[in-house]
Amino acid sequence: MIETSDIKKGVMVEIEGYPYVVADFQFVNPGKGSAFYRTRLKNLFTGAVLERTFKSGEKLMEADIEEKVMEFIYPSGDNYVFMDSANYEQIELPLEKIKEEAGYLKENTEVRVLFYKGEATSITLPVFVELAITETGPSDKGNTVTTSFKPAIVETGGTVQVPMFLKEGDRIKIDTRTFEYFERLK
């Protein structure tokens, strides 16, 4: 059990039999009445966001979550195969569970896999990934007054907005927390 005072981003709780991660929270102490926590919780299975308010001092059930570092090996149809480097055990995760991350997942990348009661639920990518641009539109000549962006498709199939000066074949670093362009690599 955890107290509401322990609520912060990233804390995992169990509500109505499902695991949730705290995506955002706010402590509210009104002039009248008791203090409370306003939270936004993300379901680890479905990705649905739930807004819930908890009274100060309320107890919450901590989610039975285990995290393992695993290596992404290859896609297999609509599943993605990961391997535990310690014991070579392999698991498959369906595309629905990692749809957002799949576009930036390169083979042999180490990721953190979350398990809820022994079942793999989601993955966390490294903070930055380095990928090559495979497809992008032409640059507009003379468009240097403001920072302009254009869509680019990277080698793993993901799409990211990049500055106009980038072209196909350039390698870039992407911030996986926001899935935005970070910098061009040499």
Protein backbone atom coordinates (compact mmCIF):
# COMPACT_ATOMS: atom_id res chain seq x y z
CA MET A 1 0.00 0.00 0.00
CA ILE A 2 1.15 3.53 -0.73
CA GLU A 3 -0.11 6.80 0.70
CA THR A 4 -1.42 9.63 -1.45
CA SER A 5 1.57 11.70 -0.27
CA ASP A 6 3.79 9.25 -2.23
CA ILE A 7 2.03 10.06 -5.54
CA LYS A 8 4.35 11.41 -8.22
CA LYS A 9 4.90 10.89 -11.95
CA GLY A 10 5.84 7.32 -12.77
CA VAL A 11 4.36 5.70 -9.65
CA MET A 12 2.40 2.56 -10.53
CA VAL A 13 -0.86 1.77 -8.76
CA GLU A 14 -3.58 -0.84 -9.14
CA ILE A 15 -7.17 0.38 -9.52
CA GLU A 16 -10.11 -1.99 -10.05
CA GLY A 17 -7.72 -4.82 -10.94
CA TYR A 18 -5.77 -2.92 -13.61
CA PRO A 19 -2.28 -1.41 -13.42
CA TYR A 20 -1.97 2.34 -13.96
CA VAL A 21 1.00 4.68 -14.07
CA VAL A 22 0.66 8.24 -12.77
CA ALA A 23 1.03 10.45 -15.85
CA ASP A 24 0.36 13.73 -14.05
CA PHE A 25 -0.76 14.88 -10.61
CA GLN A 26 -1.62 18.05 -8.75
CA PHE A 27 -1.89 18.63 -5.00
CA VAL A 28 -4.84 20.89 -4.15
CA ASN A 29 -5.29 22.44 -0.71
CA PRO A 30 -8.48 24.53 -0.83
CA GLY A 31 -9.14 27.15 1.83
CA LYS A 32 -12.21 25.24 2.92
CA GLY A 33 -12.34 21.46 3.20
CA SER A 34 -9.64 18.83 3.10
CA ALA A 35 -6.69 18.62 0.72
CA PHE A 36 -6.75 16.21 -2.23
CA TYR A 37 -4.70 14.95 -5.16
CA ARG A 38 -5.99 15.33 -8.72
CA THR A 39 -4.34 12.69 -10.95
CA ARG A 40 -4.20 11.53 -14.56
CA LEU A 41 -3.52 7.79 -14.72
CA LYS A 42 -2.58 5.79 -17.82
CA ASN A 43 -3.70 2.16 -18.07
CA LEU A 44 -0.67 -0.04 -18.84
CA PHE A 45 -2.76 -2.52 -20.86
CA THR A 46 -5.04 -0.30 -22.93
CA GLY A 47 -3.28 3.08 -22.80
CA ALA A 48 -6.58 4.72 -21.76
CA VAL A 49 -6.24 7.77 -19.53
CA LEU A 50 -8.28 7.97 -16.35
CA GLU A 51 -8.72 11.12 -14.25
CA ARG A 52 -9.17 10.36 -10.57
CA THR A 53 -9.19 12.42 -7.37
CA PHE A 54 -7.86 11.03 -4.09
CA LYS A 55 -8.33 12.52 -0.62
CA SER A 56 -5.17 13.35 1.30
CA GLY A 57 -4.20 10.39 3.50
CA GLU A 58 -6.01 7.81 1.35
CA LYS A 59 -4.18 4.53 0.71
CA LEU A 60 -3.69 3.05 -2.77
CA MET A 61 -2.74 -0.47 -3.82
CA GLU A 62 0.73 -0.62 -5.33
CA ALA A 63 0.82 -2.44 -8.69
CA ASP A 64 2.73 -5.74 -8.86
CA ILE A 65 5.13 -4.53 -11.56
CA GLU A 66 8.47 -6.07 -12.53
CA GLU A 67 10.84 -4.39 -14.96
CA LYS A 68 13.43 -6.28 -17.04
CA VAL A 69 16.03 -5.01 -19.48
CA MET A 70 15.54 -6.94 -22.73
CA GLU A 71 16.84 -6.70 -26.28
CA PHE A 72 14.54 -6.23 -29.27
CA ILE A 73 15.42 -8.97 -31.76
CA TYR A 74 12.98 -8.79 -34.69
CA PRO A 75 9.35 -8.23 -35.69
CA SER A 76 7.33 -11.39 -36.34
CA GLY A 77 4.10 -10.58 -38.14
CA ASP A 78 2.05 -8.40 -35.77
CA ASN A 79 4.27 -9.31 -32.81
CA TYR A 80 7.63 -8.00 -31.66
CA VAL A 81 10.15 -10.46 -30.17
CA PHE A 82 12.33 -9.48 -27.19
CA MET A 83 15.09 -11.50 -25.52
CA ASP A 84 16.37 -11.44 -21.95
CA SER A 85 20.18 -11.27 -22.34
CA ALA A 86 20.73 -12.98 -18.97
CA ASN A 87 18.90 -16.26 -19.69
CA TYR A 88 18.07 -15.96 -23.43
CA GLU A 89 14.33 -16.28 -22.70
CA GLN A 90 12.21 -14.77 -25.48
CA ILE A 91 8.82 -13.09 -25.26
CA GLU A 92 6.48 -11.68 -27.88
CA LEU A 93 4.54 -8.44 -27.50
CA PRO A 94 1.67 -7.62 -29.88
CA LEU A 95 1.89 -4.41 -31.90
CA GLU A 96 -1.22 -2.99 -30.14
CA LYS A 97 0.70 -2.80 -26.84
CA ILE A 98 3.71 -0.94 -28.27
CA LYS A 99 2.19 0.86 -31.28
CA GLU A 100 3.69 4.27 -30.44
CA GLU A 101 7.19 2.94 -29.65
CA ALA A 102 7.33 0.47 -32.59
CA GLY A 103 8.06 3.22 -35.12
CA TYR A 104 11.35 3.99 -33.37
CA LEU A 105 12.40 0.48 -32.36
CA LYS A 106 15.56 -0.73 -34.09
CA GLU A 107 16.84 -4.32 -33.93
CA ASN A 108 19.34 -5.03 -31.09
CA THR A 109 18.06 -2.06 -29.05
CA GLU A 110 17.91 -2.61 -25.29
CA VAL A 111 14.55 -1.61 -23.82
CA ARG A 112 12.84 -1.91 -20.44
CA VAL A 113 9.89 -4.31 -20.51
CA LEU A 114 7.22 -3.95 -17.82
CA PHE A 115 5.57 -7.11 -16.52
CA TYR A 116 2.31 -7.05 -14.55
CA LYS A 117 1.69 -10.29 -12.66
CA GLY A 118 4.08 -12.08 -15.03
CA GLU A 119 2.53 -10.72 -18.27
CA ALA A 120 4.45 -8.24 -20.45
CA THR A 121 2.44 -5.04 -20.77
CA SER A 122 4.61 -2.30 -22.28
CA ILE A 123 8.13 -1.16 -23.11
CA THR A 124 10.23 1.90 -22.39
CA LEU A 125 12.71 2.95 -25.08
CA PRO A 126 16.10 4.48 -24.29
CA VAL A 127 15.84 8.27 -23.90
CA PHE A 128 17.50 8.83 -27.31
CA VAL A 129 17.61 6.67 -30.43
CA GLU A 130 19.80 7.25 -33.47
CA LEU A 131 18.12 6.57 -36.81
CA ALA A 132 18.65 7.36 -40.49
CA ILE A 133 16.13 9.35 -42.54
CA THR A 134 14.83 7.20 -45.41
CA GLU A 135 12.27 9.54 -46.89
CA THR A 136 11.60 13.27 -46.68
CA GLY A 137 10.38 16.10 -48.86
CA PRO A 138 12.57 18.65 -50.60
CA SER A 139 13.89 21.70 -48.73
CA ASP A 140 12.50 25.14 -49.48
CA LYS A 141 15.35 27.35 -50.62
CA GLY A 142 15.61 30.63 -48.80
CA ASN A 143 13.37 29.55 -45.93
CA THR A 144 15.89 30.46 -43.22
CA VAL A 145 14.16 33.31 -41.40
CA THR A 146 12.09 31.03 -39.18
CA THR A 147 12.65 27.50 -38.03
CA SER A 148 10.56 25.43 -40.42
CA PHE A 149 9.98 21.73 -40.16
CA LYS A 150 8.98 18.99 -42.58
CA PRO A 151 7.93 15.38 -41.99
CA ALA A 152 10.55 12.67 -42.37
CA ILE A 153 10.26 8.89 -42.23
CA VAL A 154 13.09 7.11 -40.41
CA GLU A 155 14.50 3.64 -41.10
CA THR A 156 12.18 1.96 -38.57
CA GLY A 157 9.03 3.43 -40.12
CA GLY A 158 8.37 6.19 -37.59
CA THR A 159 7.62 9.76 -38.62
CA VAL A 160 9.26 12.81 -37.07
CA GLN A 161 9.27 16.53 -37.86
CA VAL A 162 12.79 17.64 -38.86
CA PRO A 163 14.38 20.96 -39.89
CA MET A 164 14.25 21.83 -43.59
CA PHE A 165 18.02 21.38 -44.16
CA LEU A 166 17.94 17.61 -43.47
CA LYS A 167 17.79 15.16 -46.37
CA GLU A 168 17.49 11.43 -47.01
CA GLY A 169 20.43 9.47 -45.61
CA ASP A 170 21.13 11.91 -42.75
CA ARG A 171 21.36 10.32 -39.30
CA ILE A 172 19.45 12.01 -36.51
CA LYS A 173 18.94 11.63 -32.77
CA ILE A 174 15.31 11.42 -31.59
CA ASP A 175 14.08 12.07 -28.04
CA THR A 176 11.77 9.10 -27.31
CA ARG A 177 9.99 10.87 -24.44
CA THR A 178 8.37 13.25 -26.93
CA PHE A 179 9.20 11.51 -30.25
CA GLU A 180 10.74 14.75 -31.54
CA TYR A 181 13.92 15.53 -33.48
CA PHE A 182 16.83 16.33 -31.16
CA GLU A 183 19.94 16.79 -33.34
CA ARG A 184 21.70 15.75 -36.55
CA LEU A 185 24.59 13.29 -36.19
CA LYS A 186 27.84 13.45 -38.14
